[in-house]
Amino acid sequence: MSYVGIILTSDEVEKKLSLLILEVLINKARVSFPLSSVGVPSSVVLIQGSSSLCLDRDQWRLCVLPVLEDSTWAILKTPKGNEIARGSKFEYWQGLIGGALKKSFSSNGF
């Protein structure tokens, strides 16, 4: 299988990435590095949840990881996160994550 990491712009991330990142935070999506080998990091990051997206490694490292590691989302990484995933606040959290991603991508020049 061939993997090509796409380069997203700050205008695209809210629509294309916010749901997947929320799913990662609540353990409904997984992240893998399909082209990794010993001593050679993968050039792409594969995110699989309700949809799949293959993202460029540099955008993952510079733009997405800082958002994932932000303490703002700590509540989503707890058992309470499952309640949020099923509740009416799901779109609220997706919007917050989308805004954070857009800001991160924009501040990194994407």
C-alpha atoms as a PDB file:
ATOM      1  CA  MET A   1       0.000   0.000   0.000  1.00  0.00           C
ATOM      2  CA  SER A   2       1.235   3.484  -0.856  1.00  0.00           C
ATOM      3  CA  TYR A   3       0.984   6.311   1.671  1.00  0.00           C
ATOM      4  CA  VAL A   4       1.232   9.964   0.716  1.00  0.00           C
ATOM      5  CA  GLY A   5       0.998  12.570   3.439  1.00  0.00           C
ATOM      6  CA  ILE A   6      -1.088  15.561   2.502  1.00  0.00           C
ATOM      7  CA  ILE A   7      -0.165  19.118   3.412  1.00  0.00           C
ATOM      8  CA  LEU A   8      -3.142  20.904   4.949  1.00  0.00           C
ATOM      9  CA  THR A   9      -3.596  24.660   5.118  1.00  0.00           C
ATOM     10  CA  SER A  10      -4.851  26.442   8.214  1.00  0.00           C
ATOM     11  CA  ASP A  11      -8.162  26.981   6.390  1.00  0.00           C
ATOM     12  CA  GLU A  12      -8.631  23.216   5.833  1.00  0.00           C
ATOM     13  CA  VAL A  13      -7.795  21.793   9.256  1.00  0.00           C
ATOM     14  CA  GLU A  14     -11.047  22.633  11.021  1.00  0.00           C
ATOM     15  CA  LYS A  15     -13.051  20.654   8.473  1.00  0.00           C
ATOM     16  CA  LYS A  16     -10.627  17.833   7.681  1.00  0.00           C
ATOM     17  CA  LEU A  17      -8.810  17.186  10.955  1.00  0.00           C
ATOM     18  CA  SER A  18     -10.734  18.393  14.031  1.00  0.00           C
ATOM     19  CA  LEU A  19     -13.042  15.365  14.255  1.00  0.00           C
ATOM     20  CA  LEU A  20     -10.166  12.896  13.923  1.00  0.00           C
ATOM     21  CA  ILE A  21      -8.114  14.665  16.593  1.00  0.00           C
ATOM     22  CA  LEU A  22     -11.096  14.678  18.955  1.00  0.00           C
ATOM     23  CA  GLU A  23     -11.469  10.951  18.275  1.00  0.00           C
ATOM     24  CA  VAL A  24      -7.767  10.427  19.065  1.00  0.00           C
ATOM     25  CA  LEU A  25      -8.219  12.234  22.381  1.00  0.00           C
ATOM     26  CA  ILE A  26     -11.187  10.057  23.387  1.00  0.00           C
ATOM     27  CA  ASN A  27      -9.551   6.845  22.113  1.00  0.00           C
ATOM     28  CA  LYS A  28     -11.922   6.382  19.183  1.00  0.00           C
ATOM     29  CA  ALA A  29      -9.168   6.823  16.571  1.00  0.00           C
ATOM     30  CA  ARG A  30      -5.636   5.532  16.306  1.00  0.00           C
ATOM     31  CA  VAL A  31      -2.425   7.015  15.039  1.00  0.00           C
ATOM     32  CA  SER A  32       0.245   5.008  13.233  1.00  0.00           C
ATOM     33  CA  PHE A  33       3.465   5.643  11.365  1.00  0.00           C
ATOM     34  CA  PRO A  34       3.196   3.263   8.400  1.00  0.00           C
ATOM     35  CA  LEU A  35       6.524   3.929   6.725  1.00  0.00           C
ATOM     36  CA  SER A  36       8.736   3.612   9.819  1.00  0.00           C
ATOM     37  CA  SER A  37      11.709   1.328   9.984  1.00  0.00           C
ATOM     38  CA  VAL A  38      14.644   1.013  12.332  1.00  0.00           C
ATOM     39  CA  GLY A  39      16.527   4.304  12.231  1.00  0.00           C
ATOM     40  CA  VAL A  40      14.222   5.918   9.665  1.00  0.00           C
ATOM     41  CA  PRO A  41      11.137   7.752  10.882  1.00  0.00           C
ATOM     42  CA  SER A  42       7.983   7.633   8.809  1.00  0.00           C
ATOM     43  CA  SER A  43       7.432  10.558   6.451  1.00  0.00           C
ATOM     44  CA  VAL A  44       3.675  10.313   7.063  1.00  0.00           C
ATOM     45  CA  VAL A  45       1.285   9.860   9.968  1.00  0.00           C
ATOM     46  CA  LEU A  46      -1.869   7.824   9.431  1.00  0.00           C
ATOM     47  CA  ILE A  47      -4.888   8.769  11.548  1.00  0.00           C
ATOM     48  CA  GLN A  48      -7.760   6.262  11.447  1.00  0.00           C
ATOM     49  CA  GLY A  49     -11.113   6.871  13.095  1.00  0.00           C
ATOM     50  CA  SER A  50     -14.522   7.659  11.585  1.00  0.00           C
ATOM     51  CA  SER A  51     -12.451   8.496   8.503  1.00  0.00           C
ATOM     52  CA  SER A  52      -8.778   8.184   7.604  1.00  0.00           C
ATOM     53  CA  LEU A  53      -6.194  10.821   6.834  1.00  0.00           C
ATOM     54  CA  CYS A  54      -2.530  10.499   5.956  1.00  0.00           C
ATOM     55  CA  LEU A  55      -0.754  13.654   7.147  1.00  0.00           C
ATOM     56  CA  ASP A  56       2.730  14.973   6.485  1.00  0.00           C
ATOM     57  CA  ARG A  57       5.128  14.160   9.364  1.00  0.00           C
ATOM     58  CA  ASP A  58       6.285  17.763   9.785  1.00  0.00           C
ATOM     59  CA  GLN A  59       2.732  19.072  10.120  1.00  0.00           C
ATOM     60  CA  TRP A  60       2.057  16.361  12.681  1.00  0.00           C
ATOM     61  CA  ARG A  61       5.141  17.280  14.694  1.00  0.00           C
ATOM     62  CA  LEU A  62       4.878  21.068  14.432  1.00  0.00           C
ATOM     63  CA  CYS A  63       1.126  21.643  14.411  1.00  0.00           C
ATOM     64  CA  VAL A  64      -0.871  18.671  15.687  1.00  0.00           C
ATOM     65  CA  LEU A  65       1.270  17.349  18.556  1.00  0.00           C
ATOM     66  CA  PRO A  66       1.295  20.692  20.418  1.00  0.00           C
ATOM     67  CA  VAL A  67      -2.512  20.728  20.258  1.00  0.00           C
ATOM     68  CA  LEU A  68      -2.780  17.104  21.440  1.00  0.00           C
ATOM     69  CA  GLU A  69      -0.410  17.793  24.334  1.00  0.00           C
ATOM     70  CA  ASP A  70      -2.258  20.940  25.475  1.00  0.00           C
ATOM     71  CA  SER A  71      -3.646  20.514  28.999  1.00  0.00           C
ATOM     72  CA  THR A  72      -6.946  22.029  27.818  1.00  0.00           C
ATOM     73  CA  TRP A  73      -7.940  18.581  26.530  1.00  0.00           C
ATOM     74  CA  ALA A  74      -7.002  16.644  29.683  1.00  0.00           C
ATOM     75  CA  ILE A  75     -10.665  16.009  30.573  1.00  0.00           C
ATOM     76  CA  LEU A  76     -11.135  14.252  27.228  1.00  0.00           C
ATOM     77  CA  LYS A  77      -8.424  11.730  28.089  1.00  0.00           C
ATOM     78  CA  THR A  78     -10.319  10.510  31.163  1.00  0.00           C
ATOM     79  CA  PRO A  79     -13.321   8.168  31.480  1.00  0.00           C
ATOM     80  CA  LYS A  80     -15.448  11.331  31.486  1.00  0.00           C
ATOM     81  CA  GLY A  81     -14.281  11.772  27.881  1.00  0.00           C
ATOM     82  CA  ASN A  82     -16.543   8.881  26.884  1.00  0.00           C
ATOM     83  CA  GLU A  83     -19.526  10.766  28.285  1.00  0.00           C
ATOM     84  CA  ILE A  84     -18.523  13.826  26.295  1.00  0.00           C
ATOM     85  CA  ALA A  85     -18.228  11.712  23.158  1.00  0.00           C
ATOM     86  CA  ARG A  86     -21.832  10.604  23.511  1.00  0.00           C
ATOM     87  CA  GLY A  87     -23.225  13.886  24.779  1.00  0.00           C
ATOM     88  CA  SER A  88     -24.392  17.154  23.339  1.00  0.00           C
ATOM     89  CA  LYS A  89     -21.013  18.803  23.974  1.00  0.00           C
ATOM     90  CA  PHE A  90     -19.300  16.792  21.210  1.00  0.00           C
ATOM     91  CA  GLU A  91     -19.654  19.559  18.604  1.00  0.00           C
ATOM     92  CA  TYR A  92     -18.522  22.135  21.166  1.00  0.00           C
ATOM     93  CA  TRP A  93     -15.251  20.248  21.791  1.00  0.00           C
ATOM     94  CA  GLN A  94     -14.766  19.612  18.077  1.00  0.00           C
ATOM     95  CA  GLY A  95     -15.100  23.361  17.458  1.00  0.00           C
ATOM     96  CA  LEU A  96     -12.565  24.185  20.172  1.00  0.00           C
ATOM     97  CA  ILE A  97     -10.097  21.661  18.780  1.00  0.00           C
ATOM     98  CA  GLY A  98     -10.671  22.954  15.256  1.00  0.00           C
ATOM     99  CA  GLY A  99      -9.883  26.487  16.384  1.00  0.00           C
ATOM    100  CA  ALA A 100      -6.737  25.356  18.193  1.00  0.00           C
ATOM    101  CA  LEU A 101      -5.578  23.420  15.119  1.00  0.00           C
ATOM    102  CA  LYS A 102      -6.218  26.384  12.841  1.00  0.00           C
ATOM    103  CA  LYS A 103      -4.212  28.665  15.121  1.00  0.00           C
ATOM    104  CA  SER A 104      -1.374  26.140  15.348  1.00  0.00           C
ATOM    105  CA  PHE A 105      -1.197  25.582  11.593  1.00  0.00           C
ATOM    106  CA  SER A 106      -1.367  29.321  10.918  1.00  0.00           C
ATOM    107  CA  SER A 107       1.358  30.188  13.432  1.00  0.00           C
ATOM    108  CA  ASN A 108       3.614  27.591  11.782  1.00  0.00           C
ATOM    109  CA  GLY A 109       3.106  29.085   8.328  1.00  0.00           C
ATOM    110  CA  PHE A 110       0.669  26.563   6.847  1.00  0.00           C
END
